[in-house]
Amino acid sequence: MLMPSPPMFLPKQRYAGRFWDTDDVMELLSIYHGARRAAYPVTWQYRTLISIQRAQDATSAYRKGYGPNWKSLKKKEVGGVVHWVPDGGFAIKHDLLEYSRQGRVPFKALQLAAVEIRKVEFEQWVAARVEYQTPIAAE
């Protein structure tokens, strides 16, 4: 199978009045969804996008779910011969290739990454404030 070239994301994406570094967002989402760069050096970005899309689809109103939805095909056996026919669902392949063409991370994924990054930033800020305000005991 011919693998498409890795997606070229925009360097920054805007969400909630702030520009987020897309590389950091994708790295965080790859760890969150289990498709780390070290484990999958070539395909980690597509694996992350697939995991994001499947997580979105599992909770959407249309319930695309996890099944054979890459091309939205289902197996049908006619007279002992197996055919793959469209199942009437929505294929995620087109969505993922569109995200990579536009260079954007899906909006729901950007929301999730922003929340996680803000948690870490807040914890670092609190630790810095505590360190700044705590007097050092004289020896």
N, C-alpha and C. Protein backbone atom coordinates (compact mmCIF):
# COMPACT_ATOMS: atom_id res chain seq x y z
N MET A 1 0.84 -1.17 0.00
CA MET A 1 0.00 0.00 0.00
C MET A 1 0.89 1.24 0.00
N LEU A 2 0.59 2.17 -0.87
CA LEU A 2 1.34 3.40 -0.97
C LEU A 2 0.91 4.35 0.13
N MET A 3 1.87 4.78 0.93
CA MET A 3 1.57 5.68 2.04
C MET A 3 1.68 7.12 1.56
N PRO A 4 0.67 7.95 1.80
CA PRO A 4 0.78 9.35 1.40
C PRO A 4 1.88 10.05 2.21
N SER A 5 2.36 11.15 1.69
CA SER A 5 3.40 11.88 2.40
C SER A 5 2.84 12.39 3.73
N PRO A 6 3.71 12.58 4.73
CA PRO A 6 3.22 13.05 6.03
C PRO A 6 2.50 14.38 5.89
N PRO A 7 1.46 14.59 6.69
CA PRO A 7 0.72 15.85 6.58
C PRO A 7 1.59 17.05 6.96
N MET A 8 1.45 18.11 6.22
CA MET A 8 2.17 19.34 6.49
C MET A 8 1.21 20.30 7.18
N PHE A 9 1.32 20.40 8.49
CA PHE A 9 0.42 21.25 9.26
C PHE A 9 0.91 22.69 9.27
N LEU A 10 -0.04 23.60 9.43
CA LEU A 10 0.32 24.99 9.62
C LEU A 10 1.13 25.11 10.91
N PRO A 11 2.07 26.04 10.98
CA PRO A 11 2.90 26.11 12.19
C PRO A 11 2.11 26.47 13.45
N LYS A 12 1.09 27.30 13.31
CA LYS A 12 0.27 27.71 14.46
C LYS A 12 -1.19 27.63 14.07
N GLN A 13 -2.04 27.30 15.05
CA GLN A 13 -3.48 27.31 14.85
C GLN A 13 -4.12 28.10 15.98
N ARG A 14 -5.15 28.84 15.64
CA ARG A 14 -5.81 29.70 16.62
C ARG A 14 -6.99 28.97 17.24
N TYR A 15 -7.04 29.05 18.58
CA TYR A 15 -8.17 28.51 19.33
C TYR A 15 -8.27 29.28 20.64
N ALA A 16 -9.44 29.72 20.99
CA ALA A 16 -9.73 30.40 22.25
C ALA A 16 -8.82 31.62 22.46
N GLY A 17 -8.66 32.41 21.40
CA GLY A 17 -7.90 33.64 21.52
C GLY A 17 -6.40 33.47 21.65
N ARG A 18 -5.89 32.32 21.30
CA ARG A 18 -4.46 32.05 21.44
C ARG A 18 -3.99 31.22 20.26
N PHE A 19 -2.76 31.44 19.85
CA PHE A 19 -2.17 30.62 18.80
C PHE A 19 -1.42 29.47 19.45
N TRP A 20 -1.72 28.25 19.01
CA TRP A 20 -1.10 27.04 19.57
C TRP A 20 -0.11 26.48 18.56
N ASP A 21 1.04 26.05 19.04
CA ASP A 21 2.05 25.44 18.19
C ASP A 21 1.55 24.07 17.75
N THR A 22 1.39 23.88 16.47
CA THR A 22 0.78 22.65 15.95
C THR A 22 1.65 21.42 16.22
N ASP A 23 2.96 21.58 16.19
CA ASP A 23 3.84 20.44 16.49
C ASP A 23 3.65 19.95 17.92
N ASP A 24 3.56 20.89 18.86
CA ASP A 24 3.32 20.50 20.26
C ASP A 24 1.96 19.83 20.43
N VAL A 25 0.95 20.37 19.74
CA VAL A 25 -0.40 19.81 19.82
C VAL A 25 -0.40 18.38 19.29
N MET A 26 0.22 18.17 18.13
CA MET A 26 0.24 16.82 17.54
C MET A 26 1.04 15.85 18.41
N GLU A 27 2.14 16.31 18.99
CA GLU A 27 2.94 15.45 19.87
C GLU A 27 2.13 15.03 21.09
N LEU A 28 1.42 15.99 21.70
CA LEU A 28 0.58 15.68 22.85
C LEU A 28 -0.55 14.73 22.49
N LEU A 29 -1.20 14.97 21.35
CA LEU A 29 -2.30 14.10 20.93
C LEU A 29 -1.80 12.70 20.58
N SER A 30 -0.60 12.60 20.02
CA SER A 30 -0.07 11.28 19.70
C SER A 30 0.19 10.48 20.97
N ILE A 31 0.67 11.14 22.01
CA ILE A 31 0.88 10.45 23.29
C ILE A 31 -0.47 10.09 23.92
N TYR A 32 -1.42 11.01 23.86
CA TYR A 32 -2.75 10.80 24.43
C TYR A 32 -3.46 9.62 23.78
N HIS A 33 -3.32 9.49 22.46
CA HIS A 33 -4.00 8.42 21.73
C HIS A 33 -3.13 7.19 21.49
N GLY A 34 -1.89 7.18 21.96
CA GLY A 34 -1.06 5.99 21.90
C GLY A 34 -0.34 5.75 20.59
N ALA A 35 -0.13 6.76 19.80
CA ALA A 35 0.60 6.60 18.52
C ALA A 35 1.87 7.44 18.58
N ARG A 36 2.72 7.14 19.54
CA ARG A 36 3.90 7.96 19.78
C ARG A 36 4.88 7.95 18.61
N ARG A 37 5.62 9.04 18.51
CA ARG A 37 6.58 9.21 17.43
C ARG A 37 7.67 8.15 17.48
N ALA A 38 8.11 7.79 18.67
CA ALA A 38 9.18 6.79 18.79
C ALA A 38 8.73 5.41 18.32
N ALA A 39 7.49 5.06 18.58
CA ALA A 39 6.98 3.74 18.20
C ALA A 39 6.68 3.66 16.70
N TYR A 40 6.20 4.73 16.12
CA TYR A 40 5.83 4.77 14.70
C TYR A 40 6.48 5.98 14.04
N PRO A 41 7.77 5.92 13.72
CA PRO A 41 8.47 7.11 13.25
C PRO A 41 7.95 7.68 11.93
N VAL A 42 7.38 6.87 11.06
CA VAL A 42 6.93 7.35 9.76
C VAL A 42 5.45 7.69 9.76
N THR A 43 4.65 6.88 10.41
CA THR A 43 3.20 7.01 10.29
C THR A 43 2.52 7.59 11.52
N TRP A 44 3.27 8.13 12.47
CA TRP A 44 2.66 8.55 13.74
C TRP A 44 1.62 9.65 13.55
N GLN A 45 1.82 10.56 12.60
CA GLN A 45 0.85 11.64 12.42
C GLN A 45 -0.48 11.11 11.88
N TYR A 46 -0.42 10.22 10.90
CA TYR A 46 -1.66 9.64 10.37
C TYR A 46 -2.34 8.76 11.41
N ARG A 47 -1.56 8.00 12.15
CA ARG A 47 -2.15 7.17 13.21
C ARG A 47 -2.85 8.03 14.26
N THR A 48 -2.24 9.17 14.58
CA THR A 48 -2.86 10.08 15.54
C THR A 48 -4.15 10.65 14.98
N LEU A 49 -4.13 11.08 13.71
CA LEU A 49 -5.35 11.61 13.10
C LEU A 49 -6.46 10.56 13.02
N ILE A 50 -6.09 9.31 12.72
CA ILE A 50 -7.08 8.23 12.68
C ILE A 50 -7.67 8.01 14.06
N SER A 51 -6.83 8.00 15.09
CA SER A 51 -7.33 7.82 16.46
C SER A 51 -8.24 8.96 16.88
N ILE A 52 -7.86 10.18 16.51
CA ILE A 52 -8.70 11.34 16.83
C ILE A 52 -10.05 11.22 16.14
N GLN A 53 -10.01 10.89 14.86
CA GLN A 53 -11.25 10.79 14.09
C GLN A 53 -12.15 9.69 14.62
N ARG A 54 -11.56 8.56 14.96
CA ARG A 54 -12.38 7.45 15.49
C ARG A 54 -12.95 7.78 16.86
N ALA A 55 -12.19 8.48 17.68
CA ALA A 55 -12.71 8.90 18.98
C ALA A 55 -13.85 9.89 18.80
N GLN A 56 -13.72 10.80 17.83
CA GLN A 56 -14.80 11.73 17.53
C GLN A 56 -16.03 11.00 17.04
N ASP A 57 -15.82 10.06 16.12
CA ASP A 57 -16.94 9.37 15.51
C ASP A 57 -17.66 8.45 16.49
N ALA A 58 -16.95 7.93 17.48
CA ALA A 58 -17.57 7.05 18.44
C ALA A 58 -18.54 7.80 19.35
N THR A 59 -18.36 9.12 19.47
CA THR A 59 -19.23 9.90 20.34
C THR A 59 -20.17 10.82 19.59
N SER A 60 -20.15 10.81 18.27
CA SER A 60 -21.01 11.71 17.51
C SER A 60 -22.42 11.14 17.39
N ALA A 61 -23.31 11.97 16.92
CA ALA A 61 -24.71 11.55 16.77
C ALA A 61 -24.86 10.50 15.67
N TYR A 62 -23.97 10.53 14.69
CA TYR A 62 -24.07 9.58 13.59
C TYR A 62 -23.47 8.22 13.93
N ARG A 63 -22.68 8.15 15.00
CA ARG A 63 -22.12 6.89 15.52
C ARG A 63 -21.41 6.08 14.44
N LYS A 64 -20.40 6.67 13.83
CA LYS A 64 -19.63 5.93 12.84
C LYS A 64 -18.85 4.80 13.49
N GLY A 65 -18.40 5.02 14.70
CA GLY A 65 -17.75 3.96 15.45
C GLY A 65 -16.40 3.57 14.92
N TYR A 66 -15.91 2.41 15.37
CA TYR A 66 -14.55 2.00 15.08
C TYR A 66 -14.47 1.07 13.88
N GLY A 67 -15.55 0.46 13.46
CA GLY A 67 -15.57 -0.60 12.47
C GLY A 67 -14.75 -0.36 11.21
N PRO A 68 -15.01 -1.09 10.15
CA PRO A 68 -14.24 -0.95 8.91
C PRO A 68 -14.61 0.34 8.19
N ASN A 69 -14.24 1.48 8.79
CA ASN A 69 -14.73 2.74 8.28
C ASN A 69 -13.65 3.57 7.59
N TRP A 70 -12.50 3.00 7.30
CA TRP A 70 -11.47 3.75 6.60
C TRP A 70 -11.98 4.16 5.22
N LYS A 71 -12.55 3.21 4.49
CA LYS A 71 -13.17 3.52 3.21
C LYS A 71 -14.68 3.30 3.26
N SER A 72 -15.21 2.97 4.43
CA SER A 72 -16.63 2.72 4.64
C SER A 72 -17.13 1.57 3.75
N LEU A 73 -16.45 0.46 3.87
CA LEU A 73 -16.83 -0.74 3.11
C LEU A 73 -17.24 -1.84 4.07
N LYS A 74 -18.08 -2.73 3.60
CA LYS A 74 -18.44 -3.91 4.39
C LYS A 74 -18.31 -5.14 3.50
N LYS A 75 -18.07 -6.27 4.15
CA LYS A 75 -17.89 -7.51 3.42
C LYS A 75 -19.24 -8.13 3.10
N LYS A 76 -19.42 -8.52 1.85
CA LYS A 76 -20.66 -9.16 1.43
C LYS A 76 -20.28 -10.39 0.61
N GLU A 77 -20.84 -11.52 0.99
CA GLU A 77 -20.52 -12.77 0.29
C GLU A 77 -21.70 -13.16 -0.61
N VAL A 78 -21.41 -13.29 -1.90
CA VAL A 78 -22.44 -13.65 -2.87
C VAL A 78 -21.95 -14.89 -3.61
N GLY A 79 -22.63 -16.01 -3.41
CA GLY A 79 -22.27 -17.24 -4.10
C GLY A 79 -20.87 -17.72 -3.79
N GLY A 80 -20.41 -17.52 -2.56
CA GLY A 80 -19.09 -17.96 -2.16
C GLY A 80 -17.97 -16.99 -2.53
N VAL A 81 -18.31 -15.90 -3.19
CA VAL A 81 -17.31 -14.89 -3.57
C VAL A 81 -17.48 -13.68 -2.66
N VAL A 82 -16.38 -13.22 -2.09
CA VAL A 82 -16.42 -12.08 -1.18
C VAL A 82 -16.29 -10.79 -1.97
N HIS A 83 -17.23 -9.87 -1.73
CA HIS A 83 -17.20 -8.55 -2.34
C HIS A 83 -17.18 -7.51 -1.23
N TRP A 84 -16.49 -6.41 -1.48
CA TRP A 84 -16.51 -5.28 -0.55
C TRP A 84 -17.39 -4.21 -1.18
N VAL A 85 -18.47 -3.87 -0.49
CA VAL A 85 -19.43 -2.91 -1.02
C VAL A 85 -19.56 -1.74 -0.04
N PRO A 86 -19.93 -0.56 -0.53
CA PRO A 86 -20.14 0.58 0.38
C PRO A 86 -21.24 0.26 1.39
N ASP A 87 -21.00 0.64 2.65
CA ASP A 87 -21.99 0.32 3.68
C ASP A 87 -22.91 1.49 4.01
N GLY A 88 -22.80 2.58 3.29
CA GLY A 88 -23.69 3.72 3.53
C GLY A 88 -23.23 4.64 4.62
N GLY A 89 -22.09 4.33 5.24
CA GLY A 89 -21.56 5.19 6.30
C GLY A 89 -20.67 6.28 5.72
N PHE A 90 -19.94 6.92 6.60
CA PHE A 90 -19.03 7.98 6.20
C PHE A 90 -17.61 7.46 6.31
N ALA A 91 -16.87 7.51 5.22
CA ALA A 91 -15.48 7.07 5.23
C ALA A 91 -14.62 8.14 5.88
N ILE A 92 -13.70 7.73 6.75
CA ILE A 92 -12.83 8.71 7.41
C ILE A 92 -11.61 9.04 6.56
N LYS A 93 -11.34 8.25 5.53
CA LYS A 93 -10.17 8.51 4.69
C LYS A 93 -10.25 9.90 4.08
N HIS A 94 -11.41 10.27 3.57
CA HIS A 94 -11.55 11.57 2.93
C HIS A 94 -11.35 12.71 3.94
N ASP A 95 -11.86 12.52 5.15
CA ASP A 95 -11.70 13.55 6.19
C ASP A 95 -10.23 13.73 6.54
N LEU A 96 -9.51 12.62 6.72
CA LEU A 96 -8.10 12.70 7.11
C LEU A 96 -7.25 13.32 6.02
N LEU A 97 -7.50 12.95 4.79
CA LEU A 97 -6.73 13.55 3.70
C LEU A 97 -7.05 15.03 3.56
N GLU A 98 -8.29 15.41 3.86
CA GLU A 98 -8.65 16.83 3.81
C GLU A 98 -7.95 17.61 4.92
N TYR A 99 -7.87 17.03 6.14
CA TYR A 99 -7.13 17.69 7.22
C TYR A 99 -5.67 17.88 6.82
N SER A 100 -5.07 16.87 6.21
CA SER A 100 -3.67 16.99 5.83
C SER A 100 -3.48 17.99 4.69
N ARG A 101 -4.43 18.09 3.77
CA ARG A 101 -4.35 19.08 2.69
C ARG A 101 -4.49 20.50 3.23
N GLN A 102 -5.39 20.70 4.17
CA GLN A 102 -5.59 22.03 4.75
C GLN A 102 -4.49 22.39 5.73
N GLY A 103 -3.83 21.38 6.29
CA GLY A 103 -2.78 21.63 7.26
C GLY A 103 -3.32 21.97 8.63
N ARG A 104 -4.50 21.49 8.94
CA ARG A 104 -5.14 21.81 10.22
C ARG A 104 -5.38 20.54 11.05
N VAL A 105 -5.30 20.73 12.36
CA VAL A 105 -5.66 19.68 13.31
C VAL A 105 -7.17 19.78 13.51
N PRO A 106 -7.89 18.65 13.62
CA PRO A 106 -9.34 18.72 13.85
C PRO A 106 -9.67 19.57 15.08
N PHE A 107 -10.78 20.29 15.00
CA PHE A 107 -11.14 21.25 16.05
C PHE A 107 -11.29 20.59 17.41
N LYS A 108 -11.97 19.45 17.48
CA LYS A 108 -12.15 18.75 18.77
C LYS A 108 -10.81 18.35 19.36
N ALA A 109 -9.88 17.93 18.51
CA ALA A 109 -8.56 17.54 18.98
C ALA A 109 -7.80 18.77 19.50
N LEU A 110 -7.95 19.89 18.82
CA LEU A 110 -7.30 21.12 19.27
C LEU A 110 -7.85 21.55 20.62
N GLN A 111 -9.16 21.38 20.83
CA GLN A 111 -9.75 21.69 22.14
C GLN A 111 -9.14 20.82 23.23
N LEU A 112 -9.06 19.52 22.98
CA LEU A 112 -8.51 18.59 23.96
C LEU A 112 -7.06 18.93 24.27
N ALA A 113 -6.26 19.18 23.26
CA ALA A 113 -4.85 19.50 23.46
C ALA A 113 -4.70 20.80 24.23
N ALA A 114 -5.53 21.80 23.92
CA ALA A 114 -5.45 23.08 24.62
C ALA A 114 -5.73 22.91 26.11
N VAL A 115 -6.72 22.10 26.44
CA VAL A 115 -7.04 21.86 27.85
C VAL A 115 -5.86 21.20 28.55
N GLU A 116 -5.27 20.19 27.95
CA GLU A 116 -4.14 19.48 28.57
C GLU A 116 -2.92 20.38 28.71
N ILE A 117 -2.64 21.18 27.69
CA ILE A 117 -1.49 22.09 27.76
C ILE A 117 -1.72 23.15 28.83
N ARG A 118 -2.93 23.66 28.92
CA ARG A 118 -3.24 24.67 29.95
C ARG A 118 -3.10 24.10 31.36
N LYS A 119 -3.47 22.83 31.55
CA LYS A 119 -3.28 22.20 32.87
C LYS A 119 -1.82 22.20 33.27
N VAL A 120 -0.96 21.79 32.35
CA VAL A 120 0.47 21.73 32.63
C VAL A 120 1.03 23.13 32.88
N GLU A 121 0.63 24.09 32.05
CA GLU A 121 1.10 25.46 32.24
C GLU A 121 0.66 26.02 33.59
N PHE A 122 -0.57 25.72 33.99
CA PHE A 122 -1.07 26.20 35.28
C PHE A 122 -0.29 25.59 36.43
N GLU A 123 -0.01 24.29 36.36
CA GLU A 123 0.77 23.63 37.41
C GLU A 123 2.17 24.23 37.50
N GLN A 124 2.78 24.52 36.36
CA GLN A 124 4.11 25.15 36.37
C GLN A 124 4.04 26.56 36.95
N TRP A 125 3.00 27.30 36.63
CA TRP A 125 2.85 28.64 37.15
C TRP A 125 2.68 28.62 38.67
N VAL A 126 1.85 27.71 39.15
CA VAL A 126 1.63 27.59 40.60
C VAL A 126 2.93 27.22 41.29
N ALA A 127 3.67 26.26 40.75
CA ALA A 127 4.94 25.86 41.35
C ALA A 127 5.93 27.03 41.38
N ALA A 128 5.96 27.83 40.32
CA ALA A 128 6.87 28.98 40.28
C ALA A 128 6.46 30.03 41.31
N ARG A 129 5.15 30.24 41.47
CA ARG A 129 4.68 31.22 42.45
C ARG A 129 4.98 30.77 43.87
N VAL A 130 4.80 29.48 44.14
CA VAL A 130 5.08 28.96 45.47
C VAL A 130 6.58 29.08 45.76
N GLU A 131 7.40 28.76 44.80
CA GLU A 131 8.86 28.85 44.98
C GLU A 131 9.28 30.30 45.19
N TYR A 132 8.64 31.22 44.47
CA TYR A 132 8.97 32.63 44.57
C TYR A 132 8.58 33.21 45.93
N GLN A 133 7.43 32.77 46.46
CA GLN A 133 6.92 33.35 47.71
C GLN A 133 7.39 32.63 48.95
N THR A 134 7.98 31.46 48.81
CA THR A 134 8.45 30.72 49.99
C THR A 134 9.82 31.25 50.39
N PRO A 135 9.94 31.77 51.63
CA PRO A 135 11.25 32.28 52.06
C PRO A 135 12.21 31.11 52.30
N ILE A 136 13.45 31.36 51.99
CA ILE A 136 14.49 30.34 52.22
C ILE A 136 14.93 30.46 53.67
N ALA A 137 14.95 29.34 54.37
CA ALA A 137 15.32 29.34 55.79
C ALA A 137 16.81 29.60 55.92
N ALA A 138 17.15 30.44 56.87
CA ALA A 138 18.55 30.76 57.11
C ALA A 138 19.22 29.59 57.81
N GLU A 139 20.43 29.35 57.43
CA GLU A 139 21.16 28.22 58.04
C GLU A 139 21.99 28.67 59.20
